[in-house]
Amino acid sequence: MNNAGLASLALGETEAAWHWFTRPEETLTAAQWQSAHLGAIERNKAFVHLMRQDWVRAWPAYDLGLGQGDRVARHTHLPPWHPGAPGPTVVYGEQGIGDEVMFASCLPDALAEIDRPIVETMPR
């Protein structure tokens, strides 16, 4: 069901993706639902919210994946940034190099809001 949801997302079919990501709640037992797959399914729901531009729901769900899989936990001990936050702020990639290059387009906006930025990138 999770993979079907991801395939639907790749096709831009957000309603189908939402169907697949919420279906486990309806079909699995409570014990199965609370398994290790719960985090992945809940985080993947964030991608539906992102595609719908529902930022209020998207970012908290997306953050469920911090420190899991490719989202390395190297900076999760730091408080998250918020507008007006004092002091240095670390901006770092948490996915693959392609995503890091793509998100680099956000750096000018981020750097305009950050007092003392520290940008960490993959060596490549």
PDB file of N, CA and C in Angstrom:
ATOM      1  N   MET A   1       0.819  -1.185   0.000  1.00  0.00           N
ATOM      2  CA  MET A   1       0.000   0.000   0.000  1.00  0.00           C
ATOM      3  C   MET A   1       0.872   1.260   0.000  1.00  0.00           C
ATOM      4  N   ASN A   2       1.953   1.219   0.767  1.00  0.00           N
ATOM      5  CA  ASN A   2       2.869   2.354   0.800  1.00  0.00           C
ATOM      6  C   ASN A   2       3.500   2.561  -0.581  1.00  0.00           C
ATOM      7  N   ASN A   3       3.935   1.474  -1.207  1.00  0.00           N
ATOM      8  CA  ASN A   3       4.547   1.581  -2.532  1.00  0.00           C
ATOM      9  C   ASN A   3       3.540   2.055  -3.583  1.00  0.00           C
ATOM     10  N   ALA A   4       2.294   1.607  -3.467  1.00  0.00           N
ATOM     11  CA  ALA A   4       1.265   2.071  -4.400  1.00  0.00           C
ATOM     12  C   ALA A   4       1.041   3.569  -4.229  1.00  0.00           C
ATOM     13  N   GLY A   5       1.084   4.037  -2.990  1.00  0.00           N
ATOM     14  CA  GLY A   5       0.951   5.469  -2.730  1.00  0.00           C
ATOM     15  C   GLY A   5       2.099   6.255  -3.329  1.00  0.00           C
ATOM     16  N   LEU A   6       3.311   5.742  -3.187  1.00  0.00           N
ATOM     17  CA  LEU A   6       4.475   6.419  -3.762  1.00  0.00           C
ATOM     18  C   LEU A   6       4.396   6.449  -5.287  1.00  0.00           C
ATOM     19  N   ALA A   7       3.939   5.352  -5.881  1.00  0.00           N
ATOM     20  CA  ALA A   7       3.781   5.316  -7.338  1.00  0.00           C
ATOM     21  C   ALA A   7       2.739   6.337  -7.784  1.00  0.00           C
ATOM     22  N   SER A   8       1.651   6.445  -7.038  1.00  0.00           N
ATOM     23  CA  SER A   8       0.619   7.430  -7.366  1.00  0.00           C
ATOM     24  C   SER A   8       1.170   8.841  -7.267  1.00  0.00           C
ATOM     25  N   LEU A   9       1.982   9.100  -6.242  1.00  0.00           N
ATOM     26  CA  LEU A   9       2.612  10.419  -6.111  1.00  0.00           C
ATOM     27  C   LEU A   9       3.497  10.722  -7.309  1.00  0.00           C
ATOM     28  N   ALA A  10       4.275   9.732  -7.736  1.00  0.00           N
ATOM     29  CA  ALA A  10       5.178   9.929  -8.870  1.00  0.00           C
ATOM     30  C   ALA A  10       4.399  10.273 -10.138  1.00  0.00           C
ATOM     31  N   LEU A  11       3.167   9.802 -10.214  1.00  0.00           N
ATOM     32  CA  LEU A  11       2.311  10.101 -11.359  1.00  0.00           C
ATOM     33  C   LEU A  11       1.524  11.397 -11.172  1.00  0.00           C
ATOM     34  N   GLY A  12       1.698  12.036 -10.006  1.00  0.00           N
ATOM     35  CA  GLY A  12       0.981  13.274  -9.727  1.00  0.00           C
ATOM     36  C   GLY A  12      -0.461  13.072  -9.314  1.00  0.00           C
ATOM     37  N   GLU A  13      -0.798  11.852  -8.933  1.00  0.00           N
ATOM     38  CA  GLU A  13      -2.174  11.513  -8.558  1.00  0.00           C
ATOM     39  C   GLU A  13      -2.314  11.573  -7.038  1.00  0.00           C
ATOM     40  N   THR A  14      -2.528  12.777  -6.519  1.00  0.00           N
ATOM     41  CA  THR A  14      -2.543  12.953  -5.066  1.00  0.00           C
ATOM     42  C   THR A  14      -3.714  12.255  -4.388  1.00  0.00           C
ATOM     43  N   GLU A  15      -4.876  12.244  -5.023  1.00  0.00           N
ATOM     44  CA  GLU A  15      -6.028  11.582  -4.401  1.00  0.00           C
ATOM     45  C   GLU A  15      -5.803  10.076  -4.289  1.00  0.00           C
ATOM     46  N   ALA A  16      -5.250   9.481  -5.339  1.00  0.00           N
ATOM     47  CA  ALA A  16      -4.940   8.045  -5.300  1.00  0.00           C
ATOM     48  C   ALA A  16      -3.871   7.765  -4.248  1.00  0.00           C
ATOM     49  N   ALA A  17      -2.866   8.635  -4.174  1.00  0.00           N
ATOM     50  CA  ALA A  17      -1.810   8.458  -3.172  1.00  0.00           C
ATOM     51  C   ALA A  17      -2.405   8.510  -1.778  1.00  0.00           C
ATOM     52  N   TRP A  18      -3.281   9.492  -1.532  1.00  0.00           N
ATOM     53  CA  TRP A  18      -3.903   9.614  -0.201  1.00  0.00           C
ATOM     54  C   TRP A  18      -4.704   8.357   0.125  1.00  0.00           C
ATOM     55  N   HIS A  19      -5.414   7.828  -0.869  1.00  0.00           N
ATOM     56  CA  HIS A  19      -6.166   6.588  -0.672  1.00  0.00           C
ATOM     57  C   HIS A  19      -5.238   5.465  -0.193  1.00  0.00           C
ATOM     58  N   TRP A  20      -4.116   5.291  -0.882  1.00  0.00           N
ATOM     59  CA  TRP A  20      -3.205   4.211  -0.528  1.00  0.00           C
ATOM     60  C   TRP A  20      -2.539   4.439   0.825  1.00  0.00           C
ATOM     61  N   PHE A  21      -2.197   5.688   1.141  1.00  0.00           N
ATOM     62  CA  PHE A  21      -1.532   5.955   2.418  1.00  0.00           C
ATOM     63  C   PHE A  21      -2.481   5.855   3.607  1.00  0.00           C
ATOM     64  N   THR A  22      -3.779   6.063   3.410  1.00  0.00           N
ATOM     65  CA  THR A  22      -4.728   5.963   4.521  1.00  0.00           C
ATOM     66  C   THR A  22      -5.377   4.588   4.606  1.00  0.00           C
ATOM     67  N   ARG A  23      -5.255   3.804   3.560  1.00  0.00           N
ATOM     68  CA  ARG A  23      -5.867   2.470   3.552  1.00  0.00           C
ATOM     69  C   ARG A  23      -5.344   1.550   4.650  1.00  0.00           C
ATOM     70  N   PRO A  24      -4.046   1.594   4.980  1.00  0.00           N
ATOM     71  CA  PRO A  24      -3.581   0.704   6.060  1.00  0.00           C
ATOM     72  C   PRO A  24      -4.329   0.909   7.371  1.00  0.00           C
ATOM     73  N   GLU A  25      -4.738   2.137   7.671  1.00  0.00           N
ATOM     74  CA  GLU A  25      -5.479   2.402   8.898  1.00  0.00           C
ATOM     75  C   GLU A  25      -6.793   1.628   8.927  1.00  0.00           C
ATOM     76  N   GLU A  26      -7.368   1.421   7.749  1.00  0.00           N
ATOM     77  CA  GLU A  26      -8.653   0.754   7.640  1.00  0.00           C
ATOM     78  C   GLU A  26      -8.526  -0.763   7.584  1.00  0.00           C
ATOM     79  N   THR A  27      -7.387  -1.264   7.119  1.00  0.00           N
ATOM     80  CA  THR A  27      -7.286  -2.700   6.843  1.00  0.00           C
ATOM     81  C   THR A  27      -6.354  -3.467   7.775  1.00  0.00           C
ATOM     82  N   LEU A  28      -5.457  -2.782   8.474  1.00  0.00           N
ATOM     83  CA  LEU A  28      -4.511  -3.470   9.333  1.00  0.00           C
ATOM     84  C   LEU A  28      -4.981  -3.505  10.777  1.00  0.00           C
ATOM     85  N   THR A  29      -4.518  -4.492  11.506  1.00  0.00           N
ATOM     86  CA  THR A  29      -4.800  -4.525  12.934  1.00  0.00           C
ATOM     87  C   THR A  29      -4.004  -3.421  13.618  1.00  0.00           C
ATOM     88  N   ALA A  30      -4.365  -3.108  14.834  1.00  0.00           N
ATOM     89  CA  ALA A  30      -3.660  -2.054  15.570  1.00  0.00           C
ATOM     90  C   ALA A  30      -2.182  -2.386  15.713  1.00  0.00           C
ATOM     91  N   ALA A  31      -1.874  -3.657  15.966  1.00  0.00           N
ATOM     92  CA  ALA A  31      -0.472  -4.060  16.122  1.00  0.00           C
ATOM     93  C   ALA A  31       0.292  -3.886  14.812  1.00  0.00           C
ATOM     94  N   GLN A  32      -0.331  -4.262  13.705  1.00  0.00           N
ATOM     95  CA  GLN A  32       0.324  -4.094  12.413  1.00  0.00           C
ATOM     96  C   GLN A  32       0.522  -2.615  12.097  1.00  0.00           C
ATOM     97  N   TRP A  33      -0.480  -1.808  12.415  1.00  0.00           N
ATOM     98  CA  TRP A  33      -0.407  -0.377  12.125  1.00  0.00           C
ATOM     99  C   TRP A  33       0.708   0.283  12.909  1.00  0.00           C
ATOM    100  N   GLN A  34       0.967  -0.182  14.114  1.00  0.00           N
ATOM    101  CA  GLN A  34       2.003   0.400  14.963  1.00  0.00           C
ATOM    102  C   GLN A  34       3.389  -0.161  14.663  1.00  0.00           C
ATOM    103  N   SER A  35       3.521  -0.924  13.602  1.00  0.00           N
ATOM    104  CA  SER A  35       4.809  -1.517  13.239  1.00  0.00           C
ATOM    105  C   SER A  35       5.772  -0.456  12.726  1.00  0.00           C
ATOM    106  N   ALA A  36       6.937  -0.896  12.317  1.00  0.00           N
ATOM    107  CA  ALA A  36       7.971   0.009  11.823  1.00  0.00           C
ATOM    108  C   ALA A  36       7.540   0.774  10.578  1.00  0.00           C
ATOM    109  N   HIS A  37       6.545   0.286   9.875  1.00  0.00           N
ATOM    110  CA  HIS A  37       6.101   0.944   8.646  1.00  0.00           C
ATOM    111  C   HIS A  37       5.285   2.208   8.914  1.00  0.00           C
ATOM    112  N   LEU A  38       4.806   2.370  10.134  1.00  0.00           N
ATOM    113  CA  LEU A  38       3.973   3.520  10.461  1.00  0.00           C
ATOM    114  C   LEU A  38       4.679   4.828  10.138  1.00  0.00           C
ATOM    115  N   GLY A  39       5.931   4.970  10.550  1.00  0.00           N
ATOM    116  CA  GLY A  39       6.660   6.206  10.300  1.00  0.00           C
ATOM    117  C   GLY A  39       6.776   6.520   8.824  1.00  0.00           C
ATOM    118  N   ALA A  40       7.056   5.500   8.018  1.00  0.00           N
ATOM    119  CA  ALA A  40       7.197   5.716   6.573  1.00  0.00           C
ATOM    120  C   ALA A  40       5.874   6.153   5.961  1.00  0.00           C
ATOM    121  N   ILE A  41       4.801   5.511   6.345  1.00  0.00           N
ATOM    122  CA  ILE A  41       3.490   5.856   5.790  1.00  0.00           C
ATOM    123  C   ILE A  41       3.104   7.267   6.214  1.00  0.00           C
ATOM    124  N   GLU A  42       3.270   7.585   7.483  1.00  0.00           N
ATOM    125  CA  GLU A  42       2.919   8.923   7.966  1.00  0.00           C
ATOM    126  C   GLU A  42       3.785   9.979   7.289  1.00  0.00           C
ATOM    127  N   ARG A  43       5.062   9.695   7.129  1.00  0.00           N
ATOM    128  CA  ARG A  43       5.934  10.667   6.462  1.00  0.00           C
ATOM    129  C   ARG A  43       5.554  10.818   4.994  1.00  0.00           C
ATOM    130  N   ASN A  44       5.192   9.729   4.348  1.00  0.00           N
ATOM    131  CA  ASN A  44       4.822   9.818   2.938  1.00  0.00           C
ATOM    132  C   ASN A  44       3.522  10.589   2.738  1.00  0.00           C
ATOM    133  N   LYS A  45       2.656  10.616   3.757  1.00  0.00           N
ATOM    134  CA  LYS A  45       1.467  11.461   3.679  1.00  0.00           C
ATOM    135  C   LYS A  45       1.882  12.928   3.542  1.00  0.00           C
ATOM    136  N   ALA A  46       3.044  13.264   4.091  1.00  0.00           N
ATOM    137  CA  ALA A  46       3.537  14.643   3.986  1.00  0.00           C
ATOM    138  C   ALA A  46       3.711  15.048   2.536  1.00  0.00           C
ATOM    139  N   PHE A  47       4.113  14.116   1.684  1.00  0.00           N
ATOM    140  CA  PHE A  47       4.303  14.449   0.274  1.00  0.00           C
ATOM    141  C   PHE A  47       2.981  14.814  -0.397  1.00  0.00           C
ATOM    142  N   VAL A  48       1.893  14.169   0.036  1.00  0.00           N
ATOM    143  CA  VAL A  48       0.570  14.541  -0.489  1.00  0.00           C
ATOM    144  C   VAL A  48       0.246  15.968  -0.042  1.00  0.00           C
ATOM    145  N   HIS A  49       0.481  16.260   1.245  1.00  0.00           N
ATOM    146  CA  HIS A  49       0.223  17.617   1.746  1.00  0.00           C
ATOM    147  C   HIS A  49       1.085  18.640   1.008  1.00  0.00           C
ATOM    148  N   LEU A  50       2.334  18.294   0.733  1.00  0.00           N
ATOM    149  CA  LEU A  50       3.209  19.209  -0.006  1.00  0.00           C
ATOM    150  C   LEU A  50       2.669  19.467  -1.401  1.00  0.00           C
ATOM    151  N   MET A  51       2.227  18.416  -2.074  1.00  0.00           N
ATOM    152  CA  MET A  51       1.697  18.583  -3.432  1.00  0.00           C
ATOM    153  C   MET A  51       0.417  19.410  -3.426  1.00  0.00           C
ATOM    154  N   ARG A  52      -0.331  19.333  -2.329  1.00  0.00           N
ATOM    155  CA  ARG A  52      -1.561  20.127  -2.195  1.00  0.00           C
ATOM    156  C   ARG A  52      -1.261  21.539  -1.674  1.00  0.00           C
ATOM    157  N   GLN A  53      -0.014  21.808  -1.367  1.00  0.00           N
ATOM    158  CA  GLN A  53       0.436  23.080  -0.787  1.00  0.00           C
ATOM    159  C   GLN A  53      -0.241  23.358   0.552  1.00  0.00           C
ATOM    160  N   ASP A  54      -0.470  22.305   1.310  1.00  0.00           N
ATOM    161  CA  ASP A  54      -1.027  22.403   2.658  1.00  0.00           C
ATOM    162  C   ASP A  54       0.148  22.394   3.628  1.00  0.00           C
ATOM    163  N   TRP A  55       0.811  23.537   3.734  1.00  0.00           N
ATOM    164  CA  TRP A  55       2.072  23.634   4.478  1.00  0.00           C
ATOM    165  C   TRP A  55       1.901  23.332   5.970  1.00  0.00           C
ATOM    166  N   VAL A  56       0.764  23.698   6.547  1.00  0.00           N
ATOM    167  CA  VAL A  56       0.549  23.494   7.985  1.00  0.00           C
ATOM    168  C   VAL A  56       0.595  22.007   8.328  1.00  0.00           C
ATOM    169  N   ARG A  57       0.053  21.165   7.488  1.00  0.00           N
ATOM    170  CA  ARG A  57       0.086  19.718   7.724  1.00  0.00           C
ATOM    171  C   ARG A  57       1.357  19.075   7.169  1.00  0.00           C
ATOM    172  N   ALA A  58       1.889  19.664   6.104  1.00  0.00           N
ATOM    173  CA  ALA A  58       3.010  19.031   5.401  1.00  0.00           C
ATOM    174  C   ALA A  58       4.277  18.970   6.235  1.00  0.00           C
ATOM    175  N   TRP A  59       4.714  20.093   6.765  1.00  0.00           N
ATOM    176  CA  TRP A  59       6.028  20.119   7.406  1.00  0.00           C
ATOM    177  C   TRP A  59       6.105  19.289   8.685  1.00  0.00           C
ATOM    178  N   PRO A  60       5.106  19.311   9.574  1.00  0.00           N
ATOM    179  CA  PRO A  60       5.209  18.416  10.743  1.00  0.00           C
ATOM    180  C   PRO A  60       5.259  16.942  10.343  1.00  0.00           C
ATOM    181  N   ALA A  61       4.486  16.568   9.331  1.00  0.00           N
ATOM    182  CA  ALA A  61       4.514  15.168   8.877  1.00  0.00           C
ATOM    183  C   ALA A  61       5.854  14.838   8.239  1.00  0.00           C
ATOM    184  N   TYR A  62       6.398  15.766   7.473  1.00  0.00           N
ATOM    185  CA  TYR A  62       7.691  15.559   6.834  1.00  0.00           C
ATOM    186  C   TYR A  62       8.787  15.366   7.878  1.00  0.00           C
ATOM    187  N   ASP A  63       8.697  16.122   8.968  1.00  0.00           N
ATOM    188  CA  ASP A  63       9.708  16.037  10.022  1.00  0.00           C
ATOM    189  C   ASP A  63       9.711  14.691  10.746  1.00  0.00           C
ATOM    190  N   LEU A  64       8.668  13.873  10.571  1.00  0.00           N
ATOM    191  CA  LEU A  64       8.656  12.550  11.188  1.00  0.00           C
ATOM    192  C   LEU A  64       9.826  11.697  10.712  1.00  0.00           C
ATOM    193  N   GLY A  65      10.350  12.001   9.536  1.00  0.00           N
ATOM    194  CA  GLY A  65      11.442  11.219   8.975  1.00  0.00           C
ATOM    195  C   GLY A  65      12.825  11.696   9.371  1.00  0.00           C
ATOM    196  N   LEU A  66      12.931  12.761  10.167  1.00  0.00           N
ATOM    197  CA  LEU A  66      14.250  13.246  10.569  1.00  0.00           C
ATOM    198  C   LEU A  66      15.020  12.141  11.285  1.00  0.00           C
ATOM    199  N   GLY A  67      16.246  11.911  10.835  1.00  0.00           N
ATOM    200  CA  GLY A  67      17.086  10.902  11.462  1.00  0.00           C
ATOM    201  C   GLY A  67      16.812   9.485  10.993  1.00  0.00           C
ATOM    202  N   GLN A  68      15.898   9.297  10.042  1.00  0.00           N
ATOM    203  CA  GLN A  68      15.582   7.960   9.544  1.00  0.00           C
ATOM    204  C   GLN A  68      16.090   7.807   8.119  1.00  0.00           C
ATOM    205  N   GLY A  69      16.553   6.623   7.794  1.00  0.00           N
ATOM    206  CA  GLY A  69      16.982   6.343   6.424  1.00  0.00           C
ATOM    207  C   GLY A  69      18.055   7.298   5.968  1.00  0.00           C
ATOM    208  N   ASP A  70      17.798   7.965   4.842  1.00  0.00           N
ATOM    209  CA  ASP A  70      18.763   8.904   4.280  1.00  0.00           C
ATOM    210  C   ASP A  70      18.803  10.236   5.023  1.00  0.00           C
ATOM    211  N   ARG A  71      17.838  10.458   5.900  1.00  0.00           N
ATOM    212  CA  ARG A  71      17.787  11.736   6.620  1.00  0.00           C
ATOM    213  C   ARG A  71      18.625  11.609   7.890  1.00  0.00           C
ATOM    214  N   VAL A  72      19.907  11.776   7.740  1.00  0.00           N
ATOM    215  CA  VAL A  72      20.888  11.538   8.793  1.00  0.00           C
ATOM    216  C   VAL A  72      20.589  12.388  10.023  1.00  0.00           C
ATOM    217  N   ALA A  73      20.818  11.774  11.183  1.00  0.00           N
ATOM    218  CA  ALA A  73      20.496  12.422  12.459  1.00  0.00           C
ATOM    219  C   ALA A  73      21.620  13.307  12.982  1.00  0.00           C
ATOM    220  N   ARG A  74      22.513  13.767  12.124  1.00  0.00           N
ATOM    221  CA  ARG A  74      23.687  14.478  12.623  1.00  0.00           C
ATOM    222  C   ARG A  74      23.365  15.812  13.283  1.00  0.00           C
ATOM    223  N   HIS A  75      22.258  16.456  12.937  1.00  0.00           N
ATOM    224  CA  HIS A  75      21.945  17.759  13.523  1.00  0.00           C
ATOM    225  C   HIS A  75      20.584  17.793  14.214  1.00  0.00           C
ATOM    226  N   THR A  76      19.968  16.639  14.446  1.00  0.00           N
ATOM    227  CA  THR A  76      18.630  16.649  15.024  1.00  0.00           C
ATOM    228  C   THR A  76      18.640  17.094  16.478  1.00  0.00           C
ATOM    229  N   HIS A  77      19.803  17.212  17.090  1.00  0.00           N
ATOM    230  CA  HIS A  77      19.872  17.703  18.472  1.00  0.00           C
ATOM    231  C   HIS A  77      19.755  19.226  18.535  1.00  0.00           C
ATOM    232  N   LEU A  78      19.870  19.896  17.394  1.00  0.00           N
ATOM    233  CA  LEU A  78      19.759  21.346  17.354  1.00  0.00           C
ATOM    234  C   LEU A  78      18.293  21.755  17.286  1.00  0.00           C
ATOM    235  N   PRO A  79      17.954  22.891  17.874  1.00  0.00           N
ATOM    236  CA  PRO A  79      16.556  23.343  17.759  1.00  0.00           C
ATOM    237  C   PRO A  79      16.253  23.737  16.323  1.00  0.00           C
ATOM    238  N   PRO A  80      15.023  23.528  15.878  1.00  0.00           N
ATOM    239  CA  PRO A  80      14.680  23.924  14.509  1.00  0.00           C
ATOM    240  C   PRO A  80      14.706  25.443  14.372  1.00  0.00           C
ATOM    241  N   TRP A  81      15.011  25.884  13.170  1.00  0.00           N
ATOM    242  CA  TRP A  81      15.055  27.316  12.903  1.00  0.00           C
ATOM    243  C   TRP A  81      13.654  27.894  12.888  1.00  0.00           C
ATOM    244  N   HIS A  82      13.520  29.114  13.313  1.00  0.00           N
ATOM    245  CA  HIS A  82      12.282  29.864  13.176  1.00  0.00           C
ATOM    246  C   HIS A  82      12.642  31.324  12.900  1.00  0.00           C
ATOM    247  N   PRO A  83      11.765  32.071  12.250  1.00  0.00           N
ATOM    248  CA  PRO A  83      12.088  33.465  11.930  1.00  0.00           C
ATOM    249  C   PRO A  83      12.489  34.250  13.178  1.00  0.00           C
ATOM    250  N   GLY A  84      13.570  34.970  13.070  1.00  0.00           N
ATOM    251  CA  GLY A  84      14.052  35.772  14.180  1.00  0.00           C
ATOM    252  C   GLY A  84      14.926  35.020  15.162  1.00  0.00           C
ATOM    253  N   ALA A  85      15.239  33.767  14.864  1.00  0.00           N
ATOM    254  CA  ALA A  85      16.075  32.974  15.769  1.00  0.00           C
ATOM    255  C   ALA A  85      17.463  33.600  15.859  1.00  0.00           C
ATOM    256  N   PRO A  86      17.968  33.820  17.072  1.00  0.00           N
ATOM    257  CA  PRO A  86      19.292  34.430  17.215  1.00  0.00           C
ATOM    258  C   PRO A  86      20.405  33.402  17.009  1.00  0.00           C
ATOM    259  N   GLY A  87      21.593  33.906  16.744  1.00  0.00           N
ATOM    260  CA  GLY A  87      22.767  33.048  16.671  1.00  0.00           C
ATOM    261  C   GLY A  87      22.916  32.315  15.366  1.00  0.00           C
ATOM    262  N   PRO A  88      23.937  31.469  15.306  1.00  0.00           N
ATOM    263  CA  PRO A  88      24.193  30.745  14.054  1.00  0.00           C
ATOM    264  C   PRO A  88      23.111  29.704  13.772  1.00  0.00           C
ATOM    265  N   THR A  89      22.907  29.452  12.493  1.00  0.00           N
ATOM    266  CA  THR A  89      21.949  28.446  12.055  1.00  0.00           C
ATOM    267  C   THR A  89      22.638  27.547  11.050  1.00  0.00           C
ATOM    268  N   VAL A  90      22.504  26.233  11.251  1.00  0.00           N
ATOM    269  CA  VAL A  90      23.092  25.265  10.338  1.00  0.00           C
ATOM    270  C   VAL A  90      22.061  24.920   9.272  1.00  0.00           C
ATOM    271  N   VAL A  91      22.455  25.056   8.013  1.00  0.00           N
ATOM    272  CA  VAL A  91      21.636  24.646   6.876  1.00  0.00           C
ATOM    273  C   VAL A  91      22.357  23.459   6.262  1.00  0.00           C
ATOM    274  N   TYR A  92      21.684  22.317   6.194  1.00  0.00           N
ATOM    275  CA  TYR A  92      22.358  21.116   5.706  1.00  0.00           C
ATOM    276  C   TYR A  92      21.419  20.255   4.883  1.00  0.00           C
ATOM    277  N   GLY A  93      22.008  19.488   4.005  1.00  0.00           N
ATOM    278  CA  GLY A  93      21.252  18.537   3.206  1.00  0.00           C
ATOM    279  C   GLY A  93      20.972  17.297   4.021  1.00  0.00           C
ATOM    280  N   GLU A  94      19.801  16.718   3.798  1.00  0.00           N
ATOM    281  CA  GLU A  94      19.447  15.525   4.555  1.00  0.00           C
ATOM    282  C   GLU A  94      19.023  14.383   3.640  1.00  0.00           C
ATOM    283  N   GLN A  95      19.160  14.597   2.344  1.00  0.00           N
ATOM    284  CA  GLN A  95      18.775  13.564   1.399  1.00  0.00           C
ATOM    285  C   GLN A  95      19.932  13.331   0.445  1.00  0.00           C
ATOM    286  N   GLY A  96      19.651  12.921  -0.772  1.00  0.00           N
ATOM    287  CA  GLY A  96      20.699  12.654  -1.740  1.00  0.00           C
ATOM    288  C   GLY A  96      21.216  13.915  -2.390  1.00  0.00           C
ATOM    289  N   ILE A  97      22.256  13.761  -3.189  1.00  0.00           N
ATOM    290  CA  ILE A  97      22.893  14.923  -3.804  1.00  0.00           C
ATOM    291  C   ILE A  97      21.959  15.648  -4.769  1.00  0.00           C
ATOM    292  N   GLY A  98      21.098  14.929  -5.461  1.00  0.00           N
ATOM    293  CA  GLY A  98      20.152  15.580  -6.373  1.00  0.00           C
ATOM    294  C   GLY A  98      19.219  16.517  -5.634  1.00  0.00           C
ATOM    295  N   ASP A  99      18.689  16.054  -4.497  1.00  0.00           N
ATOM    296  CA  ASP A  99      17.830  16.913  -3.686  1.00  0.00           C
ATOM    297  C   ASP A  99      18.616  18.086  -3.125  1.00  0.00           C
ATOM    298  N   GLU A 100      19.866  17.841  -2.756  1.00  0.00           N
ATOM    299  CA  GLU A 100      20.680  18.924  -2.211  1.00  0.00           C
ATOM    300  C   GLU A 100      20.899  20.021  -3.256  1.00  0.00           C
ATOM    301  N   VAL A 101      21.162  19.624  -4.500  1.00  0.00           N
ATOM    302  CA  VAL A 101      21.341  20.606  -5.570  1.00  0.00           C
ATOM    303  C   VAL A 101      20.030  21.355  -5.807  1.00  0.00           C
ATOM    304  N   MET A 102      18.916  20.616  -5.829  1.00  0.00           N
ATOM    305  CA  MET A 102      17.622  21.236  -6.067  1.00  0.00           C
ATOM    306  C   MET A 102      17.279  22.233  -4.947  1.00  0.00           C
ATOM    307  N   PHE A 103      17.479  21.837  -3.699  1.00  0.00           N
ATOM    308  CA  PHE A 103      17.145  22.716  -2.581  1.00  0.00           C
ATOM    309  C   PHE A 103      18.120  23.881  -2.441  1.00  0.00           C
ATOM    310  N   ALA A 104      19.268  23.816  -3.123  1.00  0.00           N
ATOM    311  CA  ALA A 104      20.208  24.937  -3.088  1.00  0.00           C
ATOM    312  C   ALA A 104      19.569  26.203  -3.652  1.00  0.00           C
ATOM    313  N   SER A 105      18.541  26.036  -4.468  1.00  0.00           N
ATOM    314  CA  SER A 105      17.848  27.218  -4.998  1.00  0.00           C
ATOM    315  C   SER A 105      17.142  27.998  -3.885  1.00  0.00           C
ATOM    316  N   CYS A 106      16.931  27.370  -2.746  1.00  0.00           N
ATOM    317  CA  CYS A 106      16.297  28.041  -1.601  1.00  0.00           C
ATOM    318  C   CYS A 106      17.302  28.804  -0.747  1.00  0.00           C
ATOM    319  N   LEU A 107      18.593  28.570  -0.956  1.00  0.00           N
ATOM    320  CA  LEU A 107      19.603  29.193  -0.102  1.00  0.00           C
ATOM    321  C   LEU A 107      19.549  30.722  -0.077  1.00  0.00           C
ATOM    322  N   PRO A 108      19.397  31.408  -1.202  1.00  0.00           N
ATOM    323  CA  PRO A 108      19.346  32.872  -1.112  1.00  0.00           C
ATOM    324  C   PRO A 108      18.241  33.373  -0.178  1.00  0.00           C
ATOM    325  N   ASP A 109      17.068  32.741  -0.240  1.00  0.00           N
ATOM    326  CA  ASP A 109      15.980  33.138   0.656  1.00  0.00           C
ATOM    327  C   ASP A 109      16.322  32.824   2.100  1.00  0.00           C
ATOM    328  N   ALA A 110      16.874  31.640   2.337  1.00  0.00           N
ATOM    329  CA  ALA A 110      17.224  31.253   3.706  1.00  0.00           C
ATOM    330  C   ALA A 110      18.313  32.155   4.271  1.00  0.00           C
ATOM    331  N   LEU A 111      19.335  32.431   3.474  1.00  0.00           N
ATOM    332  CA  LEU A 111      20.453  33.238   3.958  1.00  0.00           C
ATOM    333  C   LEU A 111      20.039  34.678   4.253  1.00  0.00           C
ATOM    334  N   ALA A 112      19.016  35.159   3.576  1.00  0.00           N
ATOM    335  CA  ALA A 112      18.507  36.506   3.850  1.00  0.00           C
ATOM    336  C   ALA A 112      17.825  36.588   5.212  1.00  0.00           C
ATOM    337  N   GLU A 113      17.392  35.435   5.746  1.00  0.00           N
ATOM    338  CA  GLU A 113      16.665  35.397   7.018  1.00  0.00           C
ATOM    339  C   GLU A 113      17.527  34.962   8.198  1.00  0.00           C
ATOM    340  N   ILE A 114      18.733  34.506   7.915  1.00  0.00           N
ATOM    341  CA  ILE A 114      19.575  33.919   8.956  1.00  0.00           C
ATOM    342  C   ILE A 114      20.688  34.878   9.332  1.00  0.00           C
ATOM    343  N   ASP A 115      20.858  35.060  10.645  1.00  0.00           N
ATOM    344  CA  ASP A 115      21.864  35.982  11.166  1.00  0.00           C
ATOM    345  C   ASP A 115      23.284  35.509  10.862  1.00  0.00           C
ATOM    346  N   ARG A 116      23.621  34.298  11.250  1.00  0.00           N
ATOM    347  CA  ARG A 116      24.969  33.754  11.043  1.00  0.00           C
ATOM    348  C   ARG A 116      24.847  32.339  10.466  1.00  0.00           C
ATOM    349  N   PRO A 117      24.767  32.230   9.133  1.00  0.00           N
ATOM    350  CA  PRO A 117      24.547  30.907   8.529  1.00  0.00           C
ATOM    351  C   PRO A 117      25.801  30.038   8.490  1.00  0.00           C
ATOM    352  N   ILE A 118      25.576  28.755   8.655  1.00  0.00           N
ATOM    353  CA  ILE A 118      26.601  27.733   8.435  1.00  0.00           C
ATOM    354  C   ILE A 118      25.981  26.765   7.441  1.00  0.00           C
ATOM    355  N   VAL A 119      26.529  26.703   6.220  1.00  0.00           N
ATOM    356  CA  VAL A 119      25.979  25.833   5.186  1.00  0.00           C
ATOM    357  C   VAL A 119      26.873  24.615   5.061  1.00  0.00           C
ATOM    358  N   GLU A 120      26.294  23.454   5.263  1.00  0.00           N
ATOM    359  CA  GLU A 120      27.018  22.196   5.172  1.00  0.00           C
ATOM    360  C   GLU A 120      26.510  21.436   3.955  1.00  0.00           C
ATOM    361  N   THR A 121      27.405  21.015   3.087  1.00  0.00           N
ATOM    362  CA  THR A 121      27.016  20.284   1.889  1.00  0.00           C
ATOM    363  C   THR A 121      27.774  18.963   1.807  1.00  0.00           C
ATOM    364  N   MET A 122      27.300  18.102   0.923  1.00  0.00           N
ATOM    365  CA  MET A 122      28.021  16.859   0.658  1.00  0.00           C
ATOM    366  C   MET A 122      29.343  17.221  -0.020  1.00  0.00           C
ATOM    367  N   PRO A 123      30.383  16.460   0.211  1.00  0.00           N
ATOM    368  CA  PRO A 123      31.679  16.794  -0.390  1.00  0.00           C
ATOM    369  C   PRO A 123      31.649  16.893  -1.916  1.00  0.00           C
ATOM    370  N   ARG A 124      30.782  16.105  -2.564  1.00  0.00           N
ATOM    371  CA  ARG A 124      30.716  16.161  -4.021  1.00  0.00           C
ATOM    372  C   ARG A 124      30.210  17.507  -4.471  1.00  0.00           C
TER     373      ARG A 124
END
